[in-house]
Amino acid sequence: MKSLVDWKRHGIDVWTDGAEPWIYFFERLGELSAQLVGAAGDEVIMAVLTTANLHQLAATFFELRAGRNKILAE
């Protein structure tokens, strides 16, 4: 219900503003789903919107580490 209150207050800006910005819901869903595919919570993301996909892709580029130098997109 908190999300709906934020949406009422912030409109489209709810994606980045409010108590629980919606942009992070995809990361949370990935964490909850990771075990289903045998991965760690920070290795999976769920996304259905082009904007969210691009955001996560860019975030991945900025968090590159040794041994993690490729991005898989479907």
N, C-alpha and C. Protein backbone atom coordinates (compact mmCIF):
# COMPACT_ATOMS: atom_id res chain seq x y z
N MET A 1 0.82 -1.19 0.00
CA MET A 1 0.00 0.00 0.00
C MET A 1 0.86 1.26 0.00
N LYS A 2 2.03 1.18 0.63
CA LYS A 2 2.94 2.32 0.67
C LYS A 2 3.31 2.77 -0.74
N SER A 3 3.47 1.82 -1.66
CA SER A 3 3.82 2.14 -3.03
C SER A 3 2.73 2.95 -3.71
N LEU A 4 1.48 2.62 -3.43
CA LEU A 4 0.38 3.35 -4.04
C LEU A 4 0.31 4.78 -3.50
N VAL A 5 0.59 4.95 -2.23
CA VAL A 5 0.62 6.29 -1.64
C VAL A 5 1.74 7.10 -2.28
N ASP A 6 2.91 6.49 -2.46
CA ASP A 6 4.02 7.17 -3.13
C ASP A 6 3.65 7.55 -4.55
N TRP A 7 2.98 6.64 -5.26
CA TRP A 7 2.58 6.92 -6.63
C TRP A 7 1.63 8.11 -6.69
N LYS A 8 0.70 8.17 -5.72
CA LYS A 8 -0.24 9.28 -5.65
C LYS A 8 0.49 10.59 -5.44
N ARG A 9 1.50 10.58 -4.59
CA ARG A 9 2.26 11.80 -4.27
C ARG A 9 3.24 12.20 -5.36
N HIS A 10 3.93 11.23 -5.94
CA HIS A 10 5.05 11.51 -6.84
C HIS A 10 4.75 11.32 -8.32
N GLY A 11 3.63 10.65 -8.65
CA GLY A 11 3.33 10.39 -10.05
C GLY A 11 4.45 9.58 -10.71
N ILE A 12 4.84 9.95 -11.90
CA ILE A 12 5.88 9.21 -12.63
C ILE A 12 7.21 9.22 -11.89
N ASP A 13 7.44 10.21 -11.05
CA ASP A 13 8.70 10.29 -10.30
C ASP A 13 8.82 9.21 -9.22
N VAL A 14 7.75 8.43 -9.02
CA VAL A 14 7.81 7.34 -8.05
C VAL A 14 8.89 6.32 -8.42
N TRP A 15 9.28 6.29 -9.71
CA TRP A 15 10.34 5.37 -10.13
C TRP A 15 11.65 5.68 -9.42
N THR A 16 11.87 6.94 -9.04
CA THR A 16 13.15 7.31 -8.40
C THR A 16 12.96 7.99 -7.06
N ASP A 17 11.76 8.41 -6.72
CA ASP A 17 11.48 9.12 -5.46
C ASP A 17 10.58 8.29 -4.57
N GLY A 18 10.36 8.77 -3.37
CA GLY A 18 9.43 8.11 -2.46
C GLY A 18 10.14 7.19 -1.48
N ALA A 19 9.36 6.60 -0.61
CA ALA A 19 9.90 5.72 0.43
C ALA A 19 10.57 4.48 -0.16
N GLU A 20 9.97 3.92 -1.20
CA GLU A 20 10.52 2.73 -1.86
C GLU A 20 10.48 2.95 -3.37
N PRO A 21 11.52 3.59 -3.94
CA PRO A 21 11.52 3.84 -5.38
C PRO A 21 11.30 2.55 -6.18
N TRP A 22 10.43 2.62 -7.17
CA TRP A 22 10.05 1.44 -7.94
C TRP A 22 11.21 0.85 -8.73
N ILE A 23 12.19 1.66 -9.09
CA ILE A 23 13.29 1.17 -9.91
C ILE A 23 14.01 0.00 -9.23
N TYR A 24 13.95 -0.06 -7.90
CA TYR A 24 14.63 -1.12 -7.16
C TYR A 24 13.80 -2.38 -7.00
N PHE A 25 12.51 -2.35 -7.38
CA PHE A 25 11.68 -3.55 -7.29
C PHE A 25 12.25 -4.68 -8.14
N PHE A 26 12.83 -4.34 -9.27
CA PHE A 26 13.39 -5.37 -10.15
C PHE A 26 14.57 -6.08 -9.49
N GLU A 27 15.37 -5.32 -8.75
CA GLU A 27 16.49 -5.93 -8.02
C GLU A 27 15.97 -6.84 -6.92
N ARG A 28 14.94 -6.39 -6.22
CA ARG A 28 14.37 -7.20 -5.14
C ARG A 28 13.77 -8.49 -5.69
N LEU A 29 13.06 -8.41 -6.80
CA LEU A 29 12.51 -9.61 -7.42
C LEU A 29 13.62 -10.56 -7.85
N GLY A 30 14.72 -10.01 -8.34
CA GLY A 30 15.87 -10.83 -8.70
C GLY A 30 16.44 -11.56 -7.51
N GLU A 31 16.57 -10.84 -6.39
CA GLU A 31 17.07 -11.47 -5.15
C GLU A 31 16.17 -12.62 -4.73
N LEU A 32 14.86 -12.40 -4.81
CA LEU A 32 13.92 -13.44 -4.39
C LEU A 32 13.90 -14.63 -5.34
N SER A 33 14.24 -14.41 -6.61
CA SER A 33 14.20 -15.46 -7.62
C SER A 33 15.54 -16.16 -7.83
N ALA A 34 16.61 -15.62 -7.32
CA ALA A 34 17.96 -16.14 -7.59
C ALA A 34 18.10 -17.62 -7.26
N GLN A 35 17.54 -18.04 -6.16
CA GLN A 35 17.69 -19.44 -5.75
C GLN A 35 17.09 -20.39 -6.78
N LEU A 36 16.07 -19.94 -7.50
CA LEU A 36 15.44 -20.79 -8.51
C LEU A 36 16.40 -21.17 -9.63
N VAL A 37 17.38 -20.32 -9.90
CA VAL A 37 18.33 -20.59 -10.97
C VAL A 37 19.73 -20.88 -10.45
N GLY A 38 19.85 -21.08 -9.14
CA GLY A 38 21.13 -21.43 -8.55
C GLY A 38 22.14 -20.30 -8.55
N ALA A 39 21.67 -19.08 -8.36
CA ALA A 39 22.55 -17.91 -8.37
C ALA A 39 22.46 -17.18 -7.05
N ALA A 40 23.42 -16.29 -6.84
CA ALA A 40 23.39 -15.43 -5.66
C ALA A 40 22.38 -14.30 -5.90
N GLY A 41 21.87 -13.72 -4.84
CA GLY A 41 20.86 -12.68 -4.95
C GLY A 41 21.28 -11.47 -5.75
N ASP A 42 22.58 -11.17 -5.75
CA ASP A 42 23.05 -9.98 -6.49
C ASP A 42 23.44 -10.31 -7.93
N GLU A 43 23.16 -11.53 -8.37
CA GLU A 43 23.49 -11.94 -9.74
C GLU A 43 22.28 -12.03 -10.66
N VAL A 44 21.10 -11.78 -10.12
CA VAL A 44 19.87 -11.91 -10.91
C VAL A 44 19.07 -10.62 -10.82
N ILE A 45 18.48 -10.24 -11.93
CA ILE A 45 17.58 -9.09 -11.96
C ILE A 45 16.38 -9.42 -12.81
N MET A 46 15.23 -8.96 -12.41
CA MET A 46 14.02 -9.11 -13.20
C MET A 46 13.70 -7.74 -13.77
N ALA A 47 13.41 -7.69 -15.03
CA ALA A 47 13.05 -6.41 -15.64
C ALA A 47 12.16 -6.65 -16.84
N VAL A 48 11.20 -5.78 -17.01
CA VAL A 48 10.29 -5.90 -18.13
C VAL A 48 10.18 -4.60 -18.93
N LEU A 49 10.80 -3.56 -18.46
CA LEU A 49 10.73 -2.27 -19.13
C LEU A 49 12.07 -1.90 -19.73
N THR A 50 12.07 -1.35 -20.90
CA THR A 50 13.33 -0.97 -21.56
C THR A 50 14.14 -0.04 -20.68
N THR A 51 13.48 0.94 -20.08
CA THR A 51 14.19 1.89 -19.22
C THR A 51 14.87 1.17 -18.05
N ALA A 52 14.16 0.23 -17.43
CA ALA A 52 14.73 -0.51 -16.31
C ALA A 52 15.90 -1.37 -16.78
N ASN A 53 15.75 -2.01 -17.94
CA ASN A 53 16.83 -2.82 -18.49
C ASN A 53 18.07 -1.96 -18.74
N LEU A 54 17.89 -0.80 -19.33
CA LEU A 54 19.03 0.08 -19.61
C LEU A 54 19.68 0.58 -18.32
N HIS A 55 18.86 0.88 -17.32
CA HIS A 55 19.40 1.31 -16.02
C HIS A 55 20.28 0.21 -15.42
N GLN A 56 19.78 -1.01 -15.43
CA GLN A 56 20.55 -2.10 -14.84
C GLN A 56 21.79 -2.41 -15.66
N LEU A 57 21.70 -2.30 -16.96
CA LEU A 57 22.87 -2.52 -17.81
C LEU A 57 23.95 -1.50 -17.49
N ALA A 58 23.57 -0.24 -17.38
CA ALA A 58 24.54 0.80 -17.05
C ALA A 58 25.13 0.57 -15.66
N ALA A 59 24.30 0.19 -14.71
CA ALA A 59 24.79 -0.07 -13.35
C ALA A 59 25.81 -1.21 -13.36
N THR A 60 25.58 -2.20 -14.19
CA THR A 60 26.52 -3.32 -14.29
C THR A 60 27.87 -2.85 -14.81
N PHE A 61 27.85 -1.97 -15.81
CA PHE A 61 29.11 -1.46 -16.34
C PHE A 61 29.95 -0.78 -15.27
N PHE A 62 29.31 -0.06 -14.38
CA PHE A 62 30.03 0.70 -13.37
C PHE A 62 30.44 -0.15 -12.18
N GLU A 63 30.04 -1.40 -12.12
CA GLU A 63 30.39 -2.28 -11.01
C GLU A 63 31.22 -3.48 -11.47
N LEU A 64 31.94 -3.31 -12.55
CA LEU A 64 32.76 -4.41 -13.05
C LEU A 64 33.83 -4.79 -12.03
N ARG A 65 34.08 -6.08 -11.92
CA ARG A 65 35.12 -6.61 -11.02
C ARG A 65 35.89 -7.69 -11.76
N ALA A 66 37.05 -8.04 -11.22
CA ALA A 66 37.84 -9.11 -11.82
C ALA A 66 36.97 -10.37 -11.88
N GLY A 67 36.98 -11.03 -13.03
CA GLY A 67 36.19 -12.24 -13.18
C GLY A 67 34.75 -11.99 -13.59
N ARG A 68 34.32 -10.77 -13.55
CA ARG A 68 32.96 -10.39 -13.99
C ARG A 68 33.10 -9.29 -15.03
N ASN A 69 33.42 -9.67 -16.24
CA ASN A 69 33.71 -8.66 -17.27
C ASN A 69 32.83 -8.82 -18.50
N LYS A 70 31.71 -9.53 -18.37
CA LYS A 70 30.81 -9.71 -19.50
C LYS A 70 29.37 -9.47 -19.04
N ILE A 71 28.56 -9.02 -19.96
CA ILE A 71 27.14 -8.80 -19.68
C ILE A 71 26.34 -9.68 -20.63
N LEU A 72 25.42 -10.44 -20.10
CA LEU A 72 24.56 -11.30 -20.89
C LEU A 72 23.19 -10.66 -20.96
N ALA A 73 22.70 -10.41 -22.14
CA ALA A 73 21.37 -9.83 -22.31
C ALA A 73 20.58 -10.70 -23.27
N GLU A 74 19.33 -10.87 -22.97
CA GLU A 74 18.47 -11.69 -23.81
C GLU A 74 17.36 -10.84 -24.37
